[in-house]
Amino acid sequence: MTKTPDTPRTPPTTRTPTATTTTTTAPWESSWEGLVTSALLGTDRRMPPAEALAPGKDAPVALLDAAALHTVRRRAGLLPATAAAPPPRAPHDGRARLPTAAERRLMRLLADRAAPTGGGGRRGTAPDLTELLPQWLAAANAHGYAVPAPLLPALLDAARARTDLRPQALAFAGPRALWLARLNPEWKFALRGASGGAVLPAAQDPEAMRRLWEEGLFAERIALLSTVRARDAETARALLASTWPTERAEDRLMFLDSLRDGLTEADEPFLEQALSDRSRTVRSTAAELLSALPGSALAGRMASRAATCVGMDRTGGGQVITVEAPHECDADMQHDGVVPAPPGGRGERSWWLGQLVEAAPLSGWPARLGGRTPEEIVALPVLDGWADELHAAWCRAAVRQGDARWSAALLGSPTAPPDAGPGTTSLAERAKLLATLPEAERADWVAAFIAAHGLPEAFQLLGGCAVPWSGALGRSVVDALDIARDAGSYPWSFSGVMGLAERCLDPAEVSRLELLTATPDEPEGASPGAGGYWSEAFQRLVSTLRLRALMLAELEPIRDHEAHAQEVLEV
């Protein structure tokens, strides 16, 4: 029990009886502090005031009765507080309204989010609706729909619980997400990370734009910078430069990182100035962005330095690459973003070499190395054991510069042994290289890799492929799962791939999966119960793909959604 702050304390003075009072002190007139003290210390140590002890009742019971009565009296005597100003009206969301069937589907997906899932046992054959919510949101955003107002709180709750949902959920929530988040502290994540939900001033109102930039929340400022940059990069840079010296280091880093999208040579002067920033991380990020511009002055300086370190061995007939790593990291190198101190386990010279090579334009290496193509360059032997360091730096350069030709050369043939790639044997690095390839080429490479090496090695690569998977990639995954099923492989080791297939496989593959839902005969040496598990998993995969097809049909902007959804089910 605590003292109500807006109830004045009654001074312990002797009251003069009037016509409406008596000299008898009622229980509710006992000192509130006395009751609180007795409650905190216990009635064994501090008896409540004598007037609170009703006859025939134990002290604890009498204390509670007196406290309840006194509380009612205090509350009844409260004066009404001054009404607070009503919140501003929610901003208008002019996007299209969800079709009725899609709205009902969203209600079920959000309701299932909080439903308890089974323990670590088998999942059964029912689709996992929580894994379908991200795809539903992506499809709804692609159609440009607005969230129904009654479902906005549940959507924000879902995004609060799952950070992976936030970008799509906040984009779908639209401008009302920020408005509602200001009224509920539990949704404050939307104020920090929402860029699509901010209400931005019109381009014709520079004063409102300047005021939002100087006074807005960080998420609103990021959104403003991104929006203005998309329509007028010069104005966005001027906006950023106007407050740059007074920004916090972490904010300068985030603002600088936002320049990655739409990075052009026009950004070079601003980034060159950032090379002298007082924050090391800001300087490093500026150098990284400049190195992604092959025509920048920094890229040219790095190319000159790297050219002195890597060349052809003229004594060996010009068929071998020779490397001479830097012997020092001078002030000019540090100004251009080279970090002098290596991480643990790395030598200084190899650390400096890697930073020089990854920042040098890849387009300059063919001329430097005998006019060879990227495929021919990565196939050349490298003297003195520098091959791994040099190829790793080229891999980072290919990812940074988005060079698909060099990425394909460094990936090599998908049918080659995984530990014999020309560029890197790391699946994480290969996934980054794959991301620079066109979607179709990426899917074909992963499909061929799965056909040659199976699924366990390819799980990390599958996550970078476009959804839904292409026909060739989907067939390679299904075929590999079928082979593992027929071999009686330990089924739980493929649960991750099955989960990916449920989210990424094209629903058109359902017809090919029907035959795999039957329980197979277990071969000798198979894991006990493997056949039943595989049958269950394929049944769940089929039902999930059908549900995904139905969800997409419900989102189509057609008049008769029920008839269209029925057609999908019949197919």
Protein backbone atom coordinates (compact mmCIF):
# COMPACT_ATOMS: atom_id res chain seq x y z
CA MET A 1 0.00 0.00 0.00
CA THR A 2 1.37 3.43 -0.93
CA LYS A 3 0.24 6.92 -0.18
CA THR A 4 -1.86 8.49 -2.91
CA PRO A 5 0.08 11.63 -3.87
CA ASP A 6 -2.87 13.79 -4.76
CA THR A 7 -4.62 13.28 -1.38
CA PRO A 8 -3.43 15.86 1.16
CA ARG A 9 -2.25 14.61 4.46
CA THR A 10 -4.52 15.55 7.42
CA PRO A 11 -2.46 17.19 10.15
CA PRO A 12 -2.82 15.45 13.50
CA THR A 13 -4.70 18.30 15.15
CA THR A 14 -7.61 18.04 17.55
CA ARG A 15 -10.86 18.52 15.69
CA THR A 16 -13.62 20.63 17.24
CA PRO A 17 -16.95 18.77 17.27
CA THR A 18 -19.66 20.32 15.16
CA ALA A 19 -23.24 19.55 14.53
CA THR A 20 -22.29 17.01 11.94
CA THR A 21 -19.39 15.32 13.79
CA THR A 22 -18.99 13.34 16.94
CA THR A 23 -16.10 12.98 19.30
CA THR A 24 -15.89 9.28 18.55
CA THR A 25 -13.07 8.49 16.11
CA ALA A 26 -14.26 6.13 13.36
CA PRO A 27 -11.96 3.34 12.09
CA TRP A 28 -11.52 5.03 8.73
CA GLU A 29 -10.19 8.14 10.44
CA SER A 30 -7.15 6.26 11.71
CA SER A 31 -3.81 7.51 10.56
CA TRP A 32 -3.01 6.18 7.09
CA GLU A 33 0.67 6.19 8.01
CA GLY A 34 -0.05 4.07 11.02
CA LEU A 35 -1.83 1.49 8.91
CA VAL A 36 1.02 1.45 6.37
CA THR A 37 3.60 1.05 9.13
CA SER A 38 1.74 -1.90 10.63
CA ALA A 39 1.40 -3.52 7.22
CA LEU A 40 5.12 -3.12 6.43
CA LEU A 41 6.43 -4.30 9.83
CA GLY A 42 3.72 -6.86 10.54
CA THR A 43 1.11 -6.79 13.26
CA ASP A 44 3.34 -8.89 15.51
CA ARG A 45 5.89 -6.06 15.68
CA ARG A 46 3.64 -3.03 15.34
CA MET A 47 -0.01 -3.23 16.31
CA PRO A 48 -2.39 -1.16 14.19
CA PRO A 49 -4.07 1.84 15.80
CA ALA A 50 -6.48 0.79 18.53
CA GLU A 51 -9.45 2.32 16.76
CA ALA A 52 -8.78 -0.02 13.78
CA LEU A 53 -9.09 -3.16 15.87
CA ALA A 54 -12.69 -4.28 15.49
CA PRO A 55 -13.97 -6.45 18.32
CA GLY A 56 -13.68 -10.17 17.73
CA LYS A 57 -11.19 -9.91 14.87
CA ASP A 58 -7.53 -10.74 14.79
CA ALA A 59 -5.15 -7.85 14.25
CA PRO A 60 -4.19 -8.82 10.62
CA VAL A 61 -7.83 -9.11 9.57
CA ALA A 62 -8.75 -5.88 11.32
CA LEU A 63 -5.82 -4.15 9.61
CA LEU A 64 -6.97 -5.26 6.15
CA ASP A 65 -10.56 -4.23 6.83
CA ALA A 66 -9.46 -0.78 8.01
CA ALA A 67 -7.15 -0.36 5.02
CA ALA A 68 -9.89 -1.31 2.55
CA LEU A 69 -12.34 1.11 4.13
CA HIS A 70 -9.80 3.90 4.31
CA THR A 71 -8.81 3.36 0.66
CA VAL A 72 -12.41 3.68 -0.51
CA ARG A 73 -12.80 6.86 1.53
CA ARG A 74 -9.63 8.36 0.05
CA ARG A 75 -10.61 7.50 -3.52
CA ALA A 76 -14.10 8.87 -3.07
CA GLY A 77 -12.58 12.16 -2.00
CA LEU A 78 -10.31 12.59 -5.01
CA LEU A 79 -10.90 15.61 -7.18
CA PRO A 80 -11.06 15.04 -10.95
CA ALA A 81 -7.76 15.69 -12.69
CA THR A 82 -7.39 18.21 -15.48
CA ALA A 83 -8.14 16.51 -18.77
CA ALA A 84 -5.09 15.96 -20.95
CA ALA A 85 -5.04 17.20 -24.50
CA PRO A 86 -6.35 14.54 -26.89
CA PRO A 87 -3.74 12.93 -29.16
CA PRO A 88 -3.56 14.16 -32.73
CA ARG A 89 -5.62 12.35 -35.32
CA ALA A 90 -4.05 9.35 -36.99
CA PRO A 91 -2.51 10.23 -40.36
CA HIS A 92 -4.40 9.22 -43.44
CA ASP A 93 -3.28 6.04 -45.20
CA GLY A 94 -4.36 6.23 -48.81
CA ARG A 95 -3.21 2.78 -49.87
CA ALA A 96 -5.62 0.18 -51.19
CA ARG A 97 -7.81 -1.74 -48.78
CA LEU A 98 -7.15 -5.43 -48.18
CA PRO A 99 -9.54 -7.87 -49.83
CA THR A 100 -11.89 -9.43 -47.30
CA ALA A 101 -10.46 -12.93 -47.62
CA ALA A 102 -6.93 -11.61 -47.15
CA GLU A 103 -7.99 -9.67 -44.06
CA ARG A 104 -9.45 -12.82 -42.52
CA ARG A 105 -6.24 -14.65 -43.36
CA LEU A 106 -4.14 -11.99 -41.63
CA MET A 107 -6.34 -12.26 -38.52
CA ARG A 108 -5.66 -16.00 -38.37
CA LEU A 109 -1.92 -15.58 -38.93
CA LEU A 110 -1.65 -13.01 -36.15
CA ALA A 111 -3.80 -15.07 -33.79
CA ASP A 112 -1.69 -18.17 -34.43
CA ARG A 113 1.44 -16.20 -33.57
CA ALA A 114 0.72 -16.55 -29.86
CA ALA A 115 -0.52 -20.13 -30.05
CA PRO A 116 1.71 -22.58 -28.14
CA THR A 117 3.77 -24.85 -30.31
CA GLY A 118 4.62 -28.36 -29.35
CA GLY A 119 7.82 -29.08 -27.47
CA GLY A 120 10.79 -30.59 -29.17
CA GLY A 121 8.71 -33.42 -30.64
CA ARG A 122 7.38 -33.98 -34.13
CA ARG A 123 5.59 -31.12 -35.80
CA GLY A 124 2.81 -33.08 -37.44
CA THR A 125 1.40 -32.39 -40.88
CA ALA A 126 -0.21 -28.98 -40.26
CA PRO A 127 1.51 -25.90 -41.73
CA ASP A 128 3.39 -23.60 -39.38
CA LEU A 129 1.46 -20.35 -39.76
CA THR A 130 4.08 -18.30 -37.93
CA GLU A 131 6.52 -19.01 -40.75
CA LEU A 132 3.98 -17.92 -43.36
CA LEU A 133 3.41 -14.47 -41.84
CA PRO A 134 6.64 -12.93 -43.29
CA GLN A 135 5.70 -14.10 -46.79
CA TRP A 136 2.16 -12.82 -46.41
CA LEU A 137 3.48 -9.39 -45.39
CA ALA A 138 5.92 -9.29 -48.31
CA ALA A 139 3.15 -10.12 -50.77
CA ALA A 140 0.76 -7.57 -49.23
CA ASN A 141 3.43 -4.87 -49.46
CA ALA A 142 4.12 -5.77 -53.08
CA HIS A 143 0.43 -5.13 -53.83
CA GLY A 144 0.48 -1.81 -51.92
CA TYR A 145 -2.23 -2.69 -49.41
CA ALA A 146 -2.87 -0.84 -46.14
CA VAL A 147 -3.28 -2.65 -42.83
CA PRO A 148 -6.86 -2.71 -41.46
CA ALA A 149 -6.95 -0.39 -38.45
CA PRO A 150 -8.32 -3.00 -35.99
CA LEU A 151 -5.38 -5.32 -36.75
CA LEU A 152 -2.65 -2.71 -36.31
CA PRO A 153 -2.08 -3.38 -32.56
CA ALA A 154 -1.73 -7.13 -33.13
CA LEU A 155 0.66 -6.49 -36.02
CA LEU A 156 2.87 -4.26 -33.87
CA ASP A 157 2.83 -6.88 -31.10
CA ALA A 158 4.02 -9.46 -33.60
CA ALA A 159 6.80 -7.16 -34.81
CA ARG A 160 7.84 -6.45 -31.22
CA ALA A 161 8.25 -10.17 -30.55
CA ARG A 162 10.09 -10.95 -33.81
CA THR A 163 12.75 -8.61 -35.10
CA ASP A 164 12.80 -10.40 -38.47
CA LEU A 165 9.22 -9.24 -39.04
CA ARG A 166 9.84 -5.58 -38.36
CA PRO A 167 10.86 -4.25 -41.79
CA GLN A 168 7.89 -5.82 -43.58
CA ALA A 169 5.47 -5.25 -40.70
CA LEU A 170 6.34 -1.56 -40.34
CA ALA A 171 6.12 -1.03 -44.09
CA PHE A 172 2.67 -2.64 -44.07
CA ALA A 173 1.61 -0.67 -40.98
CA GLY A 174 2.40 2.53 -42.84
CA PRO A 175 2.26 6.05 -41.35
CA ARG A 176 -0.04 5.01 -38.52
CA ALA A 177 2.66 2.81 -36.95
CA LEU A 178 4.62 5.82 -35.66
CA TRP A 179 1.44 7.56 -34.56
CA LEU A 180 0.34 4.55 -32.52
CA ALA A 181 3.85 3.78 -31.22
CA ARG A 182 3.97 7.20 -29.56
CA LEU A 183 0.95 6.17 -27.46
CA ASN A 184 2.35 2.83 -26.24
CA PRO A 185 5.91 2.43 -24.88
CA GLU A 186 5.87 -1.28 -25.78
CA TRP A 187 6.00 -0.30 -29.46
CA LYS A 188 8.84 2.19 -29.17
CA PHE A 189 10.93 -0.02 -31.50
CA ALA A 190 8.87 1.47 -34.33
CA LEU A 191 10.15 4.93 -33.43
CA ARG A 192 13.75 3.71 -33.60
CA GLY A 193 13.65 1.52 -36.64
CA ALA A 194 10.75 2.53 -38.85
CA SER A 195 11.75 4.25 -42.03
CA GLY A 196 8.72 3.44 -44.13
CA GLY A 197 6.24 4.59 -41.48
CA ALA A 198 7.42 8.14 -41.01
CA VAL A 199 5.18 10.99 -42.10
CA LEU A 200 7.50 13.09 -44.23
CA PRO A 201 7.02 16.67 -45.40
CA ALA A 202 6.35 17.42 -49.04
CA ALA A 203 9.25 18.25 -51.33
CA GLN A 204 7.75 21.70 -51.87
CA ASP A 205 8.09 22.52 -48.14
CA PRO A 206 11.83 22.97 -47.46
CA GLU A 207 11.19 24.65 -44.09
CA ALA A 208 9.24 21.64 -42.78
CA MET A 209 11.95 19.39 -44.16
CA ARG A 210 14.66 21.35 -42.35
CA ARG A 211 12.67 21.35 -39.10
CA LEU A 212 12.14 17.59 -39.22
CA TRP A 213 15.82 17.04 -39.98
CA GLU A 214 16.91 19.16 -37.01
CA GLU A 215 14.24 18.16 -34.49
CA GLY A 216 12.86 14.78 -35.56
CA LEU A 217 13.41 11.33 -34.11
CA PHE A 218 16.39 9.44 -35.45
CA ALA A 219 14.14 7.03 -37.40
CA GLU A 220 12.33 10.00 -38.96
CA ARG A 221 15.62 11.62 -39.92
CA ILE A 222 16.90 8.41 -41.53
CA ALA A 223 13.61 8.09 -43.41
CA LEU A 224 13.80 11.71 -44.52
CA LEU A 225 17.39 11.34 -45.69
CA SER A 226 16.59 8.18 -47.67
CA THR A 227 13.46 9.66 -49.24
CA VAL A 228 15.09 12.95 -50.21
CA ARG A 229 18.14 11.11 -51.54
CA ALA A 230 15.96 8.96 -53.79
CA ARG A 231 14.50 12.04 -55.52
CA ASP A 232 17.31 14.60 -55.13
CA ALA A 233 20.70 13.32 -53.98
CA GLU A 234 22.26 16.79 -53.94
CA THR A 235 19.64 18.13 -51.53
CA ALA A 236 20.10 15.07 -49.31
CA ARG A 237 23.86 15.64 -49.13
CA ALA A 238 23.33 19.32 -48.31
CA LEU A 239 20.90 18.32 -45.56
CA LEU A 240 23.42 15.88 -44.13
CA ALA A 241 26.28 18.36 -44.31
CA SER A 242 24.27 21.07 -42.51
CA THR A 243 24.40 19.23 -39.16
CA TRP A 244 27.29 16.81 -39.71
CA PRO A 245 29.80 18.41 -37.28
CA THR A 246 27.29 18.35 -34.40
CA GLU A 247 26.03 14.78 -34.85
CA ARG A 248 27.02 11.99 -32.50
CA ALA A 249 29.59 9.52 -33.83
CA GLU A 250 27.10 6.63 -33.89
CA ASP A 251 24.59 8.78 -35.77
CA ARG A 252 27.21 9.93 -38.27
CA LEU A 253 28.03 6.28 -38.89
CA MET A 254 24.38 5.39 -39.53
CA PHE A 255 23.84 8.38 -41.80
CA LEU A 256 26.97 7.51 -43.75
CA ASP A 257 25.85 3.90 -44.06
CA SER A 258 22.55 5.06 -45.55
CA LEU A 259 24.50 6.39 -48.56
CA ARG A 260 25.15 2.83 -49.78
CA ASP A 261 21.89 2.82 -51.68
CA GLY A 262 22.33 4.86 -54.83
CA LEU A 263 26.03 5.51 -54.23
CA THR A 264 27.51 7.51 -57.11
CA GLU A 265 30.61 9.52 -57.98
CA ALA A 266 28.76 12.65 -56.87
CA ASP A 267 29.07 11.41 -53.27
CA GLU A 268 32.88 11.35 -53.48
CA PRO A 269 33.60 14.91 -52.22
CA PHE A 270 31.49 14.38 -49.09
CA LEU A 271 33.07 10.97 -48.44
CA GLU A 272 36.56 12.36 -48.95
CA GLN A 273 35.85 14.89 -46.20
CA ALA A 274 34.61 12.06 -43.96
CA LEU A 275 38.04 10.41 -44.29
CA SER A 276 39.24 13.04 -41.79
CA ASP A 277 36.42 12.38 -39.31
CA ARG A 278 37.35 12.16 -35.64
CA SER A 279 35.72 8.70 -35.38
CA ARG A 280 37.75 5.75 -36.68
CA THR A 281 34.64 3.75 -37.60
CA VAL A 282 33.29 6.67 -39.61
CA ARG A 283 36.62 7.00 -41.42
CA SER A 284 36.67 3.27 -42.20
CA THR A 285 33.10 3.33 -43.53
CA ALA A 286 33.85 6.35 -45.71
CA ALA A 287 36.91 4.56 -47.13
CA GLU A 288 34.85 1.43 -47.79
CA LEU A 289 32.22 3.42 -49.68
CA LEU A 290 34.85 5.23 -51.72
CA SER A 291 36.50 1.94 -52.63
CA ALA A 292 33.14 0.77 -54.00
CA LEU A 293 33.44 3.60 -56.54
CA PRO A 294 36.12 2.32 -58.97
CA GLY A 295 36.64 5.80 -60.38
CA SER A 296 37.21 7.53 -57.05
CA ALA A 297 40.53 9.07 -56.11
CA LEU A 298 40.82 6.74 -53.11
CA ALA A 299 40.29 3.69 -55.32
CA GLY A 300 43.05 4.98 -57.58
CA ARG A 301 45.42 5.45 -54.64
CA MET A 302 44.65 1.95 -53.39
CA ALA A 303 45.17 0.51 -56.88
CA SER A 304 48.62 2.11 -57.07
CA ARG A 305 49.59 0.68 -53.70
CA ALA A 306 48.22 -2.77 -54.52
CA ALA A 307 50.04 -2.78 -57.87
CA THR A 308 53.36 -2.46 -56.06
CA CYS A 309 52.51 -5.56 -54.02
CA VAL A 310 51.03 -7.94 -56.65
CA GLY A 311 52.43 -8.70 -60.08
CA MET A 312 53.67 -11.41 -62.43
CA ASP A 313 56.90 -13.27 -61.74
CA ARG A 314 58.95 -12.40 -64.80
CA THR A 315 61.62 -14.97 -63.96
CA GLY A 316 59.12 -17.81 -64.19
CA GLY A 317 57.92 -17.07 -67.68
CA GLY A 318 55.15 -14.75 -66.54
CA GLN A 319 52.86 -17.59 -65.52
CA VAL A 320 53.01 -17.15 -61.73
CA ILE A 321 51.75 -14.35 -59.47
CA THR A 322 54.22 -12.94 -56.99
CA VAL A 323 53.29 -11.00 -53.85
CA GLU A 324 55.35 -8.55 -51.77
CA ALA A 325 53.23 -7.39 -48.82
CA PRO A 326 53.70 -3.84 -47.42
CA HIS A 327 56.44 -3.42 -44.84
CA GLU A 328 54.72 -0.53 -43.05
CA CYS A 329 51.36 1.20 -42.73
CA ASP A 330 52.19 4.85 -43.21
CA ALA A 331 50.04 7.87 -42.38
CA ASP A 332 48.67 8.16 -45.92
CA MET A 333 47.46 4.56 -45.85
CA GLN A 334 45.78 5.13 -42.49
CA HIS A 335 44.11 8.28 -43.83
CA ASP A 336 42.65 6.15 -46.63
CA GLY A 337 41.08 3.74 -44.16
CA VAL A 338 43.77 1.10 -43.70
CA VAL A 339 43.58 -0.11 -40.10
CA PRO A 340 47.15 -0.53 -38.81
CA ALA A 341 46.57 -2.98 -35.94
CA PRO A 342 45.60 -6.50 -37.08
CA PRO A 343 43.15 -8.69 -35.17
CA GLY A 344 44.47 -11.53 -33.07
CA GLY A 345 46.14 -14.28 -35.03
CA ARG A 346 46.82 -12.15 -38.11
CA GLY A 347 50.21 -10.93 -39.23
CA GLU A 348 50.62 -7.21 -39.87
CA ARG A 349 51.84 -7.46 -43.45
CA SER A 350 49.14 -9.86 -44.60
CA TRP A 351 46.53 -7.69 -42.84
CA TRP A 352 47.71 -4.57 -44.68
CA LEU A 353 47.93 -6.42 -48.00
CA GLY A 354 44.35 -7.65 -47.73
CA GLN A 355 43.02 -4.14 -47.09
CA LEU A 356 44.88 -2.72 -50.08
CA VAL A 357 43.75 -5.42 -52.50
CA GLU A 358 40.09 -5.43 -51.42
CA ALA A 359 39.92 -1.63 -51.91
CA ALA A 360 41.55 -1.65 -55.35
CA PRO A 361 39.26 -1.69 -58.43
CA LEU A 362 39.00 -5.20 -59.87
CA SER A 363 38.90 -3.74 -63.37
CA GLY A 364 42.61 -2.91 -63.13
CA TRP A 365 43.92 -6.42 -62.53
CA PRO A 366 43.62 -7.83 -66.08
CA ALA A 367 46.00 -5.18 -67.44
CA ARG A 368 48.30 -5.61 -64.46
CA LEU A 369 48.41 -9.39 -64.82
CA GLY A 370 49.08 -9.90 -68.51
CA GLY A 371 45.71 -9.10 -70.05
CA ARG A 372 44.10 -12.21 -68.59
CA THR A 373 40.41 -12.65 -67.81
CA PRO A 374 39.24 -12.98 -64.18
CA GLU A 375 38.81 -16.73 -64.71
CA GLU A 376 42.40 -17.04 -65.92
CA ILE A 377 43.75 -14.81 -63.13
CA VAL A 378 42.24 -16.80 -60.26
CA ALA A 379 43.56 -20.02 -61.82
CA LEU A 380 47.20 -18.79 -61.75
CA PRO A 381 49.49 -20.15 -59.03
CA VAL A 382 50.68 -17.68 -56.39
CA LEU A 383 54.19 -17.89 -54.94
CA ASP A 384 55.17 -18.18 -51.28
CA GLY A 385 51.76 -19.26 -49.97
CA TRP A 386 49.99 -15.97 -50.59
CA ALA A 387 47.16 -17.51 -52.64
CA ASP A 388 44.60 -17.75 -49.83
CA GLU A 389 45.20 -14.18 -48.66
CA LEU A 390 45.09 -12.77 -52.20
CA HIS A 391 41.99 -14.69 -53.25
CA ALA A 392 40.16 -13.80 -50.02
CA ALA A 393 40.86 -10.10 -50.68
CA TRP A 394 39.57 -10.44 -54.25
CA CYS A 395 36.42 -12.08 -52.88
CA ARG A 396 35.80 -9.12 -50.56
CA ALA A 397 36.44 -6.73 -53.43
CA ALA A 398 33.98 -8.56 -55.70
CA VAL A 399 31.26 -8.35 -53.02
CA ARG A 400 32.00 -4.68 -52.24
CA GLN A 401 32.06 -3.64 -55.89
CA GLY A 402 29.17 -5.92 -56.91
CA ASP A 403 31.25 -7.45 -59.72
CA ALA A 404 29.36 -10.50 -60.99
CA ARG A 405 32.11 -11.51 -63.45
CA TRP A 406 34.76 -11.73 -60.75
CA SER A 407 32.32 -13.38 -58.33
CA ALA A 408 31.57 -16.13 -60.84
CA ALA A 409 35.31 -16.63 -61.45
CA LEU A 410 36.03 -16.87 -57.72
CA LEU A 411 33.12 -19.26 -57.13
CA GLY A 412 34.41 -21.62 -59.82
CA SER A 413 32.48 -24.64 -61.02
CA PRO A 414 29.63 -25.75 -58.74
CA THR A 415 30.52 -29.39 -59.41
CA ALA A 416 34.10 -28.98 -58.15
CA PRO A 417 34.85 -30.29 -54.62
CA PRO A 418 33.75 -27.71 -52.00
CA ASP A 419 37.26 -27.53 -50.54
CA ALA A 420 38.88 -26.85 -53.91
CA GLY A 421 37.25 -23.59 -54.97
CA PRO A 422 39.52 -21.08 -56.70
CA GLY A 423 38.47 -18.18 -54.47
CA THR A 424 37.27 -19.46 -51.11
CA THR A 425 36.14 -22.68 -49.47
CA SER A 426 33.98 -20.85 -46.93
CA LEU A 427 30.27 -21.34 -47.56
CA ALA A 428 29.55 -17.97 -45.89
CA GLU A 429 31.90 -16.21 -48.32
CA ARG A 430 30.45 -18.13 -51.24
CA ALA A 431 26.97 -17.01 -50.24
CA LYS A 432 28.16 -13.38 -50.38
CA LEU A 433 29.67 -13.92 -53.83
CA LEU A 434 26.45 -15.56 -55.03
CA ALA A 435 24.47 -12.49 -53.93
CA THR A 436 26.21 -10.43 -56.64
CA LEU A 437 25.07 -12.76 -59.43
CA PRO A 438 21.79 -12.32 -61.32
CA GLU A 439 18.96 -14.29 -59.71
CA ALA A 440 18.71 -16.90 -62.48
CA GLU A 441 22.46 -17.50 -62.58
CA ARG A 442 22.57 -17.75 -58.79
CA ALA A 443 19.77 -20.33 -58.71
CA ASP A 444 21.36 -22.42 -61.46
CA TRP A 445 24.73 -22.45 -59.64
CA VAL A 446 23.17 -23.60 -56.35
CA ALA A 447 21.05 -26.22 -58.15
CA ALA A 448 24.16 -27.69 -59.77
CA PHE A 449 26.00 -27.55 -56.43
CA ILE A 450 23.20 -29.52 -54.73
CA ALA A 451 23.13 -32.11 -57.50
CA ALA A 452 26.88 -32.64 -57.09
CA HIS A 453 27.30 -32.39 -53.31
CA GLY A 454 23.89 -32.82 -51.68
CA LEU A 455 21.93 -30.66 -49.27
CA PRO A 456 24.04 -30.50 -46.09
CA GLU A 457 26.72 -28.40 -47.82
CA ALA A 458 24.17 -26.19 -49.57
CA PHE A 459 21.92 -25.05 -46.71
CA GLN A 460 23.73 -21.73 -46.27
CA LEU A 461 23.68 -21.10 -50.02
CA LEU A 462 19.93 -21.70 -50.33
CA GLY A 463 19.15 -18.80 -48.00
CA GLY A 464 20.47 -16.32 -50.56
CA CYS A 465 18.34 -17.49 -53.46
CA ALA A 466 15.30 -15.57 -54.64
CA VAL A 467 11.87 -16.71 -53.45
CA PRO A 468 10.10 -18.62 -54.81
CA TRP A 469 12.92 -20.87 -55.94
CA SER A 470 13.32 -21.37 -59.67
CA GLY A 471 12.08 -24.58 -61.20
CA ALA A 472 15.58 -26.04 -61.55
CA LEU A 473 16.54 -25.18 -57.97
CA GLY A 474 13.28 -26.47 -56.54
CA ARG A 475 13.63 -29.75 -58.42
CA SER A 476 17.21 -30.20 -57.21
CA VAL A 477 16.11 -29.72 -53.59
CA VAL A 478 13.18 -32.12 -53.90
CA ASP A 479 15.35 -34.72 -55.66
CA ALA A 480 18.01 -34.46 -52.95
CA LEU A 481 15.37 -34.87 -50.23
CA ASP A 482 13.97 -37.88 -52.08
CA ILE A 483 17.43 -39.46 -52.27
CA ALA A 484 17.96 -38.90 -48.54
CA ARG A 485 14.54 -40.41 -47.85
CA ASP A 486 15.18 -43.51 -49.92
CA ALA A 487 18.57 -43.97 -48.28
CA GLY A 488 16.98 -43.98 -44.84
CA SER A 489 19.08 -41.04 -43.74
CA TYR A 490 18.60 -39.58 -40.30
CA PRO A 491 15.51 -37.45 -41.05
CA TRP A 492 15.89 -34.76 -38.41
CA SER A 493 19.16 -33.58 -39.95
CA PHE A 494 17.13 -32.30 -42.94
CA SER A 495 14.54 -30.40 -40.89
CA GLY A 496 16.22 -27.07 -41.67
CA VAL A 497 16.06 -27.70 -45.42
CA MET A 498 12.44 -28.81 -45.06
CA GLY A 499 11.64 -25.56 -43.29
CA LEU A 500 13.29 -23.61 -46.11
CA ALA A 501 11.37 -25.59 -48.70
CA GLU A 502 8.08 -24.78 -46.98
CA ARG A 503 8.86 -21.07 -47.27
CA CYS A 504 10.69 -20.97 -50.60
CA LEU A 505 9.54 -23.80 -52.88
CA ASP A 506 7.26 -22.77 -55.73
CA PRO A 507 3.69 -23.96 -54.96
CA ALA A 508 3.60 -25.31 -58.51
CA GLU A 509 5.85 -28.16 -57.29
CA VAL A 510 2.97 -29.69 -55.31
CA SER A 511 2.14 -32.22 -58.01
CA ARG A 512 5.67 -33.65 -57.86
CA LEU A 513 5.53 -33.98 -54.08
CA GLU A 514 2.30 -35.96 -53.84
CA LEU A 515 4.09 -39.26 -54.46
CA LEU A 516 6.51 -38.60 -51.60
CA THR A 517 3.82 -38.33 -48.93
CA ALA A 518 3.42 -42.11 -48.67
CA THR A 519 5.35 -43.93 -45.95
CA PRO A 520 8.32 -45.68 -47.62
CA ASP A 521 9.75 -49.04 -46.75
CA GLU A 522 12.68 -48.52 -44.44
CA PRO A 523 15.93 -49.94 -45.83
CA GLU A 524 18.25 -51.95 -43.67
CA GLY A 525 20.24 -49.74 -41.34
CA ALA A 526 17.81 -46.82 -41.57
CA SER A 527 17.03 -44.70 -38.53
CA PRO A 528 14.10 -46.17 -36.58
CA GLY A 529 10.84 -44.50 -37.58
CA ALA A 530 12.51 -42.53 -40.36
CA GLY A 531 9.90 -43.52 -42.94
CA GLY A 532 7.03 -42.17 -40.89
CA TYR A 533 8.87 -38.94 -40.22
CA TRP A 534 9.64 -38.41 -43.92
CA SER A 535 6.01 -39.07 -44.84
CA GLU A 536 4.84 -36.60 -42.22
CA ALA A 537 7.33 -33.97 -43.35
CA PHE A 538 6.32 -34.25 -47.01
CA GLN A 539 2.63 -34.09 -46.09
CA ARG A 540 3.31 -30.90 -44.16
CA LEU A 541 5.29 -29.53 -47.10
CA VAL A 542 2.40 -30.24 -49.49
CA SER A 543 -0.21 -28.66 -47.21
CA THR A 544 2.02 -25.61 -46.65
CA LEU A 545 2.54 -25.07 -50.38
CA ARG A 546 -1.18 -25.31 -50.99
CA LEU A 547 -1.85 -22.79 -48.24
CA ARG A 548 0.78 -20.43 -49.67
CA ALA A 549 -0.90 -20.62 -53.07
CA LEU A 550 -4.25 -19.85 -51.48
CA MET A 551 -2.79 -16.90 -49.55
CA LEU A 552 -1.34 -15.39 -52.70
CA ALA A 553 -4.65 -15.86 -54.51
CA GLU A 554 -6.50 -14.06 -51.72
CA LEU A 555 -4.20 -11.07 -52.11
CA GLU A 556 -4.79 -10.70 -55.83
CA PRO A 557 -6.73 -7.50 -56.59
CA ILE A 558 -9.65 -9.22 -58.29
CA ARG A 559 -13.34 -8.92 -57.57
CA ASP A 560 -14.30 -12.51 -56.81
CA HIS A 561 -11.59 -13.74 -54.45
CA GLU A 562 -13.64 -16.69 -53.25
CA ALA A 563 -13.98 -18.07 -56.79
CA HIS A 564 -10.31 -17.50 -57.56
CA ALA A 565 -9.25 -19.17 -54.31
CA GLN A 566 -11.47 -22.15 -55.16
CA GLU A 567 -9.75 -22.44 -58.54
CA VAL A 568 -6.37 -22.54 -56.81
CA LEU A 569 -7.54 -25.27 -54.47
CA GLU A 570 -8.87 -27.32 -57.36
CA VAL A 571 -5.53 -27.03 -59.18
